[in-house]
Amino acid sequence: MDLEKINEYAQIATDKVIFYVPRIFLAGLILWIGFKIVKKIVELVGKALEKTGFSETLRPFLSSIVGVLLKGTVLFVIATVLGADLTGLFAILAAAAFAVGMALQGSLGNFASGILILTLKPFKVADWIQVEDKFGRVVEIGIFSTDVLTPGNKILIIPNSMITESVVTNYSEKGMIRLELEVTMPYEESFPRVRQVLEDALKEVSKILPDPMPEIGIVDFDSHNVQLIVRPYVLPDDFWEVTFSANKAIKKAFSAHDIKVAYSEGVEIGKIGE
């Protein structure tokens, strides 16, 4: 290799050093300062979310998203300083984001619904809620699903998108629940007498709230009985206990006052073929 080639390569190397060394130094400086600024911003975002009343579940998650986005911005700035062509990278990231979004469409829906639930707070942990036919006490509100403990001591894991797309009944919002107890009486019986019997029976159930007073009325007439509805008010946590106790007290009162109820006394037995 002659001297001219050596000088040419040396000049190229020198040019590269002159071109990249300041950029590398600047990139390192941006990385160091940028990450410190990002850390401070994330701390400020966390404090701001806490002051505005965001839940403990949502605050760290949102803070981490802010941190990832800001750090990604710092890295893109560094890549630009180093002279990297980001056109192809942006195209790859866009395609990847589209593919991931399509694959996780259901999960992203649950995620967005979780953000809404944690932000708008239609209910909180320990509230009694009903979503469609699912009833129970909320034990955990997550990003993707909400855990509900049923009166039968079963955990229901309800997707958050199902909650935001359905009518949610929050029984704990007003601090009390109105029970719906169905009772029948014969047509020949006096309704005022039966109503008094029911009122006296409900007074024997200690956990029924005295205010508002229980509602008792006629709702329908069938072929054998008059259909009554009994609506006492209870605390959410006493829902099932009072339901069982009230039904027990009503049956006992009907028996003591000889109030009849129509039902089939016997069972017809038919032949079974070969």
C-alpha atoms as a PDB file:
ATOM      1  CA  MET A   1       0.000   0.000   0.000  1.00  0.00           C
ATOM      2  CA  ASP A   2       1.570   3.291  -1.105  1.00  0.00           C
ATOM      3  CA  LEU A   3       1.824   6.432   0.974  1.00  0.00           C
ATOM      4  CA  GLU A   4      -0.943   8.175  -0.963  1.00  0.00           C
ATOM      5  CA  LYS A   5      -3.509   5.499   0.018  1.00  0.00           C
ATOM      6  CA  ILE A   6      -2.407   5.639   3.645  1.00  0.00           C
ATOM      7  CA  ASN A   7      -2.863   9.386   3.691  1.00  0.00           C
ATOM      8  CA  GLU A   8      -6.283   9.025   2.060  1.00  0.00           C
ATOM      9  CA  TYR A   9      -7.480   6.536   4.692  1.00  0.00           C
ATOM     10  CA  ALA A  10      -5.998   8.647   7.461  1.00  0.00           C
ATOM     11  CA  GLN A  11      -7.824  11.699   6.167  1.00  0.00           C
ATOM     12  CA  ILE A  12     -11.120   9.740   6.037  1.00  0.00           C
ATOM     13  CA  ALA A  13     -10.616   8.514   9.588  1.00  0.00           C
ATOM     14  CA  THR A  14      -9.786  12.022  10.751  1.00  0.00           C
ATOM     15  CA  ASP A  15     -12.918  13.400   9.074  1.00  0.00           C
ATOM     16  CA  LYS A  16     -15.058  10.722  10.694  1.00  0.00           C
ATOM     17  CA  VAL A  17     -13.579  11.459  14.107  1.00  0.00           C
ATOM     18  CA  ILE A  18     -14.084  15.182  13.650  1.00  0.00           C
ATOM     19  CA  PHE A  19     -17.669  14.554  12.486  1.00  0.00           C
ATOM     20  CA  TYR A  20     -18.746  11.992  15.096  1.00  0.00           C
ATOM     21  CA  VAL A  21     -16.816  12.813  18.285  1.00  0.00           C
ATOM     22  CA  PRO A  22     -18.637  16.104  18.950  1.00  0.00           C
ATOM     23  CA  ARG A  23     -21.945  14.444  18.054  1.00  0.00           C
ATOM     24  CA  ILE A  24     -21.231  11.513  20.369  1.00  0.00           C
ATOM     25  CA  PHE A  25     -20.309  13.906  23.147  1.00  0.00           C
ATOM     26  CA  LEU A  26     -23.465  15.948  22.513  1.00  0.00           C
ATOM     27  CA  ALA A  27     -25.574  12.762  22.393  1.00  0.00           C
ATOM     28  CA  GLY A  28     -24.156  11.619  25.724  1.00  0.00           C
ATOM     29  CA  LEU A  29     -24.842  15.022  27.245  1.00  0.00           C
ATOM     30  CA  ILE A  30     -28.419  14.988  25.917  1.00  0.00           C
ATOM     31  CA  LEU A  31     -28.902  11.454  27.273  1.00  0.00           C
ATOM     32  CA  TRP A  32     -27.637  12.375  30.731  1.00  0.00           C
ATOM     33  CA  ILE A  33     -29.548  15.665  31.023  1.00  0.00           C
ATOM     34  CA  GLY A  34     -32.651  14.316  29.232  1.00  0.00           C
ATOM     35  CA  PHE A  35     -33.100  11.308  31.509  1.00  0.00           C
ATOM     36  CA  LYS A  36     -32.690  13.513  34.593  1.00  0.00           C
ATOM     37  CA  ILE A  37     -35.366  15.870  33.269  1.00  0.00           C
ATOM     38  CA  VAL A  38     -37.625  12.917  32.450  1.00  0.00           C
ATOM     39  CA  LYS A  39     -37.245  11.564  35.977  1.00  0.00           C
ATOM     40  CA  LYS A  40     -38.202  14.943  37.435  1.00  0.00           C
ATOM     41  CA  ILE A  41     -41.197  15.277  35.101  1.00  0.00           C
ATOM     42  CA  VAL A  42     -42.436  11.785  36.017  1.00  0.00           C
ATOM     43  CA  GLU A  43     -42.241  12.691  39.719  1.00  0.00           C
ATOM     44  CA  LEU A  44     -44.201  15.903  39.095  1.00  0.00           C
ATOM     45  CA  VAL A  45     -46.812  14.000  37.056  1.00  0.00           C
ATOM     46  CA  GLY A  46     -47.202  11.479  39.891  1.00  0.00           C
ATOM     47  CA  LYS A  47     -47.756  14.246  42.442  1.00  0.00           C
ATOM     48  CA  ALA A  48     -50.199  16.039  40.138  1.00  0.00           C
ATOM     49  CA  LEU A  49     -52.216  12.844  39.609  1.00  0.00           C
ATOM     50  CA  GLU A  50     -52.308  12.284  43.368  1.00  0.00           C
ATOM     51  CA  LYS A  51     -53.601  15.823  43.991  1.00  0.00           C
ATOM     52  CA  THR A  52     -56.308  15.461  41.338  1.00  0.00           C
ATOM     53  CA  GLY A  53     -57.624  12.302  43.007  1.00  0.00           C
ATOM     54  CA  PHE A  54     -56.482   9.563  40.610  1.00  0.00           C
ATOM     55  CA  SER A  55     -56.551   6.091  42.159  1.00  0.00           C
ATOM     56  CA  GLU A  56     -53.430   4.360  43.468  1.00  0.00           C
ATOM     57  CA  THR A  57     -53.825   1.721  40.755  1.00  0.00           C
ATOM     58  CA  LEU A  58     -53.822   4.251  37.924  1.00  0.00           C
ATOM     59  CA  ARG A  59     -51.165   6.724  39.121  1.00  0.00           C
ATOM     60  CA  PRO A  60     -48.050   4.516  38.724  1.00  0.00           C
ATOM     61  CA  PHE A  61     -49.320   3.203  35.406  1.00  0.00           C
ATOM     62  CA  LEU A  62     -49.843   6.663  33.892  1.00  0.00           C
ATOM     63  CA  SER A  63     -46.548   7.890  35.316  1.00  0.00           C
ATOM     64  CA  SER A  64     -44.703   4.958  33.724  1.00  0.00           C
ATOM     65  CA  ILE A  65     -46.351   5.648  30.347  1.00  0.00           C
ATOM     66  CA  VAL A  66     -45.258   9.287  30.545  1.00  0.00           C
ATOM     67  CA  GLY A  67     -41.734   8.142  31.432  1.00  0.00           C
ATOM     68  CA  VAL A  68     -41.524   5.697  28.518  1.00  0.00           C
ATOM     69  CA  LEU A  69     -42.801   8.272  26.016  1.00  0.00           C
ATOM     70  CA  LEU A  70     -40.388  10.975  27.210  1.00  0.00           C
ATOM     71  CA  LYS A  71     -37.404   8.607  27.237  1.00  0.00           C
ATOM     72  CA  GLY A  72     -38.339   7.481  23.729  1.00  0.00           C
ATOM     73  CA  THR A  73     -38.368  11.137  22.660  1.00  0.00           C
ATOM     74  CA  VAL A  74     -34.903  11.662  24.147  1.00  0.00           C
ATOM     75  CA  LEU A  75     -33.561   8.619  22.280  1.00  0.00           C
ATOM     76  CA  PHE A  76     -35.045   9.839  18.988  1.00  0.00           C
ATOM     77  CA  VAL A  77     -33.367  13.230  19.518  1.00  0.00           C
ATOM     78  CA  ILE A  78     -30.052  11.464  20.141  1.00  0.00           C
ATOM     79  CA  ALA A  79     -30.473   9.372  16.989  1.00  0.00           C
ATOM     80  CA  THR A  80     -31.123  12.559  15.020  1.00  0.00           C
ATOM     81  CA  VAL A  81     -28.021  14.219  16.484  1.00  0.00           C
ATOM     82  CA  LEU A  82     -25.951  11.211  15.450  1.00  0.00           C
ATOM     83  CA  GLY A  83     -27.235  11.591  11.897  1.00  0.00           C
ATOM     84  CA  ALA A  84     -29.356   8.421  11.748  1.00  0.00           C
ATOM     85  CA  ASP A  85     -32.063   8.175   9.071  1.00  0.00           C
ATOM     86  CA  LEU A  86     -35.275   7.536  11.016  1.00  0.00           C
ATOM     87  CA  THR A  87     -37.638   7.308   8.035  1.00  0.00           C
ATOM     88  CA  GLY A  88     -37.397   3.532   7.795  1.00  0.00           C
ATOM     89  CA  LEU A  89     -37.583   3.138  11.576  1.00  0.00           C
ATOM     90  CA  PHE A  90     -40.805   5.176  11.750  1.00  0.00           C
ATOM     91  CA  ALA A  91     -42.342   3.022   9.031  1.00  0.00           C
ATOM     92  CA  ILE A  92     -41.399  -0.172  10.892  1.00  0.00           C
ATOM     93  CA  LEU A  93     -42.769   1.156  14.196  1.00  0.00           C
ATOM     94  CA  ALA A  94     -46.023   2.226  12.547  1.00  0.00           C
ATOM     95  CA  ALA A  95     -46.501  -1.199  10.969  1.00  0.00           C
ATOM     96  CA  ALA A  96     -45.656  -2.935  14.244  1.00  0.00           C
ATOM     97  CA  ALA A  97     -48.069  -0.726  16.190  1.00  0.00           C
ATOM     98  CA  PHE A  98     -50.854  -1.492  13.702  1.00  0.00           C
ATOM     99  CA  ALA A  99     -50.212  -5.254  13.913  1.00  0.00           C
ATOM    100  CA  VAL A 100     -50.095  -5.209  17.715  1.00  0.00           C
ATOM    101  CA  GLY A 101     -53.242  -3.079  17.855  1.00  0.00           C
ATOM    102  CA  MET A 102     -55.164  -5.544  15.668  1.00  0.00           C
ATOM    103  CA  ALA A 103     -53.943  -8.531  17.685  1.00  0.00           C
ATOM    104  CA  LEU A 104     -54.791  -6.923  21.010  1.00  0.00           C
ATOM    105  CA  GLN A 105     -58.015  -5.208  19.993  1.00  0.00           C
ATOM    106  CA  GLY A 106     -60.037  -6.758  22.838  1.00  0.00           C
ATOM    107  CA  SER A 107     -57.315  -6.129  25.401  1.00  0.00           C
ATOM    108  CA  LEU A 108     -56.931  -2.516  24.282  1.00  0.00           C
ATOM    109  CA  GLY A 109     -60.684  -2.069  24.689  1.00  0.00           C
ATOM    110  CA  ASN A 110     -60.465  -3.421  28.241  1.00  0.00           C
ATOM    111  CA  PHE A 111     -57.460  -1.188  28.866  1.00  0.00           C
ATOM    112  CA  ALA A 112     -59.281   1.940  27.673  1.00  0.00           C
ATOM    113  CA  SER A 113     -62.325   0.973  29.752  1.00  0.00           C
ATOM    114  CA  GLY A 114     -60.095   0.461  32.792  1.00  0.00           C
ATOM    115  CA  ILE A 115     -58.713   3.967  32.384  1.00  0.00           C
ATOM    116  CA  LEU A 116     -62.278   5.330  32.236  1.00  0.00           C
ATOM    117  CA  ILE A 117     -63.369   3.402  35.341  1.00  0.00           C
ATOM    118  CA  LEU A 118     -60.339   4.476  37.364  1.00  0.00           C
ATOM    119  CA  THR A 119     -60.722   8.081  36.210  1.00  0.00           C
ATOM    120  CA  LEU A 120     -64.499   8.582  36.416  1.00  0.00           C
ATOM    121  CA  LYS A 121     -64.930   6.293  39.467  1.00  0.00           C
ATOM    122  CA  PRO A 122     -68.515   5.026  38.960  1.00  0.00           C
ATOM    123  CA  PHE A 123     -67.749   2.706  41.875  1.00  0.00           C
ATOM    124  CA  LYS A 124     -64.910   1.984  44.257  1.00  0.00           C
ATOM    125  CA  VAL A 125     -63.460  -0.981  46.120  1.00  0.00           C
ATOM    126  CA  ALA A 126     -65.934  -2.427  48.687  1.00  0.00           C
ATOM    127  CA  ASP A 127     -68.977  -1.117  46.771  1.00  0.00           C
ATOM    128  CA  TRP A 128     -71.818  -3.522  45.971  1.00  0.00           C
ATOM    129  CA  ILE A 129     -72.551  -3.413  42.237  1.00  0.00           C
ATOM    130  CA  GLN A 130     -74.529  -5.289  39.620  1.00  0.00           C
ATOM    131  CA  VAL A 131     -73.388  -5.592  35.994  1.00  0.00           C
ATOM    132  CA  GLU A 132     -76.104  -7.289  33.929  1.00  0.00           C
ATOM    133  CA  ASP A 133     -76.822 -10.408  36.052  1.00  0.00           C
ATOM    134  CA  LYS A 134     -73.484 -10.282  37.912  1.00  0.00           C
ATOM    135  CA  PHE A 135     -73.882  -9.085  41.504  1.00  0.00           C
ATOM    136  CA  GLY A 136     -71.280  -8.727  44.247  1.00  0.00           C
ATOM    137  CA  ARG A 137     -68.831  -6.566  46.166  1.00  0.00           C
ATOM    138  CA  VAL A 138     -65.876  -4.988  44.342  1.00  0.00           C
ATOM    139  CA  VAL A 139     -62.562  -6.288  45.699  1.00  0.00           C
ATOM    140  CA  GLU A 140     -60.161  -4.959  43.054  1.00  0.00           C
ATOM    141  CA  ILE A 141     -60.289  -2.566  40.093  1.00  0.00           C
ATOM    142  CA  GLY A 142     -57.548  -3.376  37.591  1.00  0.00           C
ATOM    143  CA  ILE A 143     -56.456  -1.931  34.259  1.00  0.00           C
ATOM    144  CA  PHE A 144     -58.023  -4.753  32.243  1.00  0.00           C
ATOM    145  CA  SER A 145     -60.651  -6.276  34.558  1.00  0.00           C
ATOM    146  CA  THR A 146     -62.556  -5.786  37.812  1.00  0.00           C
ATOM    147  CA  ASP A 147     -62.782  -8.495  40.480  1.00  0.00           C
ATOM    148  CA  VAL A 148     -66.163  -8.884  42.192  1.00  0.00           C
ATOM    149  CA  LEU A 149     -66.864 -11.156  45.172  1.00  0.00           C
ATOM    150  CA  THR A 150     -70.331 -12.700  45.013  1.00  0.00           C
ATOM    151  CA  PRO A 151     -72.462 -13.478  48.092  1.00  0.00           C
ATOM    152  CA  GLY A 152     -71.635 -17.134  47.341  1.00  0.00           C
ATOM    153  CA  ASN A 153     -67.929 -16.313  47.970  1.00  0.00           C
ATOM    154  CA  LYS A 154     -66.945 -16.664  44.302  1.00  0.00           C
ATOM    155  CA  ILE A 155     -64.643 -14.226  42.522  1.00  0.00           C
ATOM    156  CA  LEU A 156     -66.000 -12.899  39.221  1.00  0.00           C
ATOM    157  CA  ILE A 157     -63.335 -11.445  36.906  1.00  0.00           C
ATOM    158  CA  ILE A 158     -65.353  -9.033  34.763  1.00  0.00           C
ATOM    159  CA  PRO A 159     -63.668  -7.460  31.692  1.00  0.00           C
ATOM    160  CA  ASN A 160     -63.710  -3.686  32.001  1.00  0.00           C
ATOM    161  CA  SER A 161     -65.171  -3.245  28.507  1.00  0.00           C
ATOM    162  CA  MET A 162     -68.241  -5.215  29.648  1.00  0.00           C
ATOM    163  CA  ILE A 163     -68.684  -2.782  32.541  1.00  0.00           C
ATOM    164  CA  THR A 164     -68.456   0.388  30.433  1.00  0.00           C
ATOM    165  CA  GLU A 165     -70.818  -1.049  27.799  1.00  0.00           C
ATOM    166  CA  SER A 166     -73.463  -2.147  30.334  1.00  0.00           C
ATOM    167  CA  VAL A 167     -75.765  -0.517  32.857  1.00  0.00           C
ATOM    168  CA  VAL A 168     -73.966  -0.644  36.233  1.00  0.00           C
ATOM    169  CA  THR A 169     -76.073  -0.522  39.393  1.00  0.00           C
ATOM    170  CA  ASN A 170     -74.106   0.798  42.385  1.00  0.00           C
ATOM    171  CA  TYR A 171     -76.003  -0.281  45.491  1.00  0.00           C
ATOM    172  CA  SER A 172     -73.515   1.403  47.820  1.00  0.00           C
ATOM    173  CA  GLU A 173     -73.758   4.888  46.291  1.00  0.00           C
ATOM    174  CA  LYS A 174     -76.742   5.855  48.463  1.00  0.00           C
ATOM    175  CA  GLY A 175     -75.612   3.772  51.431  1.00  0.00           C
ATOM    176  CA  MET A 176     -78.613   1.424  51.326  1.00  0.00           C
ATOM    177  CA  ILE A 177     -80.250  -1.241  49.167  1.00  0.00           C
ATOM    178  CA  ARG A 178     -83.948  -1.854  48.619  1.00  0.00           C
ATOM    179  CA  LEU A 179     -84.853  -5.538  48.722  1.00  0.00           C
ATOM    180  CA  GLU A 180     -87.476  -6.916  46.322  1.00  0.00           C
ATOM    181  CA  LEU A 181     -89.366  -9.728  48.107  1.00  0.00           C
ATOM    182  CA  GLU A 182     -92.287 -11.383  46.304  1.00  0.00           C
ATOM    183  CA  VAL A 183     -95.227 -12.629  48.408  1.00  0.00           C
ATOM    184  CA  THR A 184     -98.657 -14.007  47.480  1.00  0.00           C
ATOM    185  CA  MET A 185    -102.011 -13.934  49.257  1.00  0.00           C
ATOM    186  CA  PRO A 186    -105.394 -15.538  48.381  1.00  0.00           C
ATOM    187  CA  TYR A 187    -108.142 -13.453  46.770  1.00  0.00           C
ATOM    188  CA  GLU A 188    -110.533 -13.877  49.707  1.00  0.00           C
ATOM    189  CA  GLU A 189    -107.961 -12.447  52.148  1.00  0.00           C
ATOM    190  CA  SER A 190    -108.041  -8.785  53.262  1.00  0.00           C
ATOM    191  CA  PHE A 191    -105.072  -6.832  51.892  1.00  0.00           C
ATOM    192  CA  PRO A 192    -104.986  -4.293  54.776  1.00  0.00           C
ATOM    193  CA  ARG A 193    -104.782  -7.201  57.235  1.00  0.00           C
ATOM    194  CA  VAL A 194    -102.019  -8.931  55.278  1.00  0.00           C
ATOM    195  CA  ARG A 195    -100.122  -5.646  54.942  1.00  0.00           C
ATOM    196  CA  GLN A 196    -100.263  -5.167  58.719  1.00  0.00           C
ATOM    197  CA  VAL A 197     -99.050  -8.744  59.247  1.00  0.00           C
ATOM    198  CA  LEU A 198     -96.137  -8.097  56.878  1.00  0.00           C
ATOM    199  CA  GLU A 199     -95.233  -4.811  58.559  1.00  0.00           C
ATOM    200  CA  ASP A 200     -95.209  -6.485  61.970  1.00  0.00           C
ATOM    201  CA  ALA A 201     -93.101  -9.367  60.611  1.00  0.00           C
ATOM    202  CA  LEU A 202     -90.513  -6.985  59.154  1.00  0.00           C
ATOM    203  CA  LYS A 203     -90.184  -5.234  62.515  1.00  0.00           C
ATOM    204  CA  GLU A 204     -88.854  -8.532  63.895  1.00  0.00           C
ATOM    205  CA  VAL A 205     -85.869  -8.384  61.505  1.00  0.00           C
ATOM    206  CA  SER A 206     -83.346  -6.202  63.326  1.00  0.00           C
ATOM    207  CA  LYS A 207     -81.199  -5.167  60.354  1.00  0.00           C
ATOM    208  CA  ILE A 208     -84.036  -3.709  58.275  1.00  0.00           C
ATOM    209  CA  LEU A 209     -83.653   0.076  58.261  1.00  0.00           C
ATOM    210  CA  PRO A 210     -86.568   1.986  59.843  1.00  0.00           C
ATOM    211  CA  ASP A 211     -86.134   4.921  57.461  1.00  0.00           C
ATOM    212  CA  PRO A 212     -87.241   4.801  54.670  1.00  0.00           C
ATOM    213  CA  MET A 213     -90.141   2.614  55.779  1.00  0.00           C
ATOM    214  CA  PRO A 214     -90.672  -0.685  53.920  1.00  0.00           C
ATOM    215  CA  GLU A 215     -93.001  -0.481  50.926  1.00  0.00           C
ATOM    216  CA  ILE A 216     -95.751  -3.089  50.577  1.00  0.00           C
ATOM    217  CA  GLY A 217     -98.182  -3.179  47.673  1.00  0.00           C
ATOM    218  CA  ILE A 218    -100.126  -5.233  45.123  1.00  0.00           C
ATOM    219  CA  VAL A 219     -98.281  -5.658  41.809  1.00  0.00           C
ATOM    220  CA  ASP A 220    -100.255  -8.309  39.920  1.00  0.00           C
ATOM    221  CA  PHE A 221    -103.160 -10.793  39.912  1.00  0.00           C
ATOM    222  CA  ASP A 222    -102.670 -14.371  38.723  1.00  0.00           C
ATOM    223  CA  SER A 223    -105.073 -17.301  38.436  1.00  0.00           C
ATOM    224  CA  HIS A 224    -104.671 -18.386  42.077  1.00  0.00           C
ATOM    225  CA  ASN A 225    -103.211 -15.503  44.138  1.00  0.00           C
ATOM    226  CA  VAL A 226    -102.766 -11.795  44.519  1.00  0.00           C
ATOM    227  CA  GLN A 227     -99.099 -10.938  43.893  1.00  0.00           C
ATOM    228  CA  LEU A 228     -97.545  -8.642  46.503  1.00  0.00           C
ATOM    229  CA  ILE A 229     -94.171  -6.928  46.616  1.00  0.00           C
ATOM    230  CA  VAL A 230     -92.358  -6.201  49.880  1.00  0.00           C
ATOM    231  CA  ARG A 231     -89.518  -3.643  49.719  1.00  0.00           C
ATOM    232  CA  PRO A 232     -87.536  -3.089  52.924  1.00  0.00           C
ATOM    233  CA  TYR A 233     -84.285  -1.103  52.939  1.00  0.00           C
ATOM    234  CA  VAL A 234     -81.012  -2.529  54.270  1.00  0.00           C
ATOM    235  CA  LEU A 235     -77.298  -1.767  54.334  1.00  0.00           C
ATOM    236  CA  PRO A 236     -75.434  -3.273  51.345  1.00  0.00           C
ATOM    237  CA  ASP A 237     -73.437  -5.693  53.495  1.00  0.00           C
ATOM    238  CA  ASP A 238     -76.672  -7.058  55.039  1.00  0.00           C
ATOM    239  CA  PHE A 239     -78.331  -7.837  51.695  1.00  0.00           C
ATOM    240  CA  TRP A 240     -78.446 -11.626  51.859  1.00  0.00           C
ATOM    241  CA  GLU A 241     -78.733 -11.959  55.626  1.00  0.00           C
ATOM    242  CA  VAL A 242     -81.816  -9.759  55.689  1.00  0.00           C
ATOM    243  CA  THR A 243     -83.279 -11.458  52.602  1.00  0.00           C
ATOM    244  CA  PHE A 244     -83.194 -14.837  54.344  1.00  0.00           C
ATOM    245  CA  SER A 245     -84.333 -13.436  57.711  1.00  0.00           C
ATOM    246  CA  ALA A 246     -87.219 -11.457  56.184  1.00  0.00           C
ATOM    247  CA  ASN A 247     -88.510 -14.432  54.198  1.00  0.00           C
ATOM    248  CA  LYS A 248     -88.317 -16.563  57.324  1.00  0.00           C
ATOM    249  CA  ALA A 249     -90.206 -13.957  59.375  1.00  0.00           C
ATOM    250  CA  ILE A 250     -92.894 -13.581  56.678  1.00  0.00           C
ATOM    251  CA  LYS A 251     -93.504 -17.331  56.452  1.00  0.00           C
ATOM    252  CA  LYS A 252     -93.741 -17.570  60.241  1.00  0.00           C
ATOM    253  CA  ALA A 253     -96.201 -14.651  60.368  1.00  0.00           C
ATOM    254  CA  PHE A 254     -98.376 -16.131  57.591  1.00  0.00           C
ATOM    255  CA  SER A 255     -98.524 -19.420  59.477  1.00  0.00           C
ATOM    256  CA  ALA A 256     -99.397 -17.724  62.776  1.00  0.00           C
ATOM    257  CA  HIS A 257    -102.222 -15.697  61.169  1.00  0.00           C
ATOM    258  CA  ASP A 258    -103.497 -18.591  59.016  1.00  0.00           C
ATOM    259  CA  ILE A 259    -102.922 -16.783  55.700  1.00  0.00           C
ATOM    260  CA  LYS A 260    -103.233 -19.319  52.893  1.00  0.00           C
ATOM    261  CA  VAL A 261    -100.970 -19.705  49.856  1.00  0.00           C
ATOM    262  CA  ALA A 262    -101.970 -21.700  46.762  1.00  0.00           C
ATOM    263  CA  TYR A 263     -99.627 -24.510  45.752  1.00  0.00           C
ATOM    264  CA  SER A 264     -99.826 -28.002  44.280  1.00  0.00           C
ATOM    265  CA  GLU A 265    -100.366 -30.525  47.076  1.00  0.00           C
ATOM    266  CA  GLY A 266     -99.561 -33.741  45.240  1.00  0.00           C
ATOM    267  CA  VAL A 267     -97.483 -35.033  42.355  1.00  0.00           C
ATOM    268  CA  GLU A 268     -98.961 -36.877  39.415  1.00  0.00           C
ATOM    269  CA  ILE A 269     -97.099 -40.053  38.480  1.00  0.00           C
ATOM    270  CA  GLY A 270     -97.217 -41.152  34.852  1.00  0.00           C
ATOM    271  CA  LYS A 271     -96.194 -44.344  33.096  1.00  0.00           C
ATOM    272  CA  ILE A 272     -92.769 -44.716  31.548  1.00  0.00           C
ATOM    273  CA  GLY A 273     -92.661 -46.490  28.193  1.00  0.00           C
ATOM    274  CA  GLU A 274     -90.144 -49.049  27.103  1.00  0.00           C
END
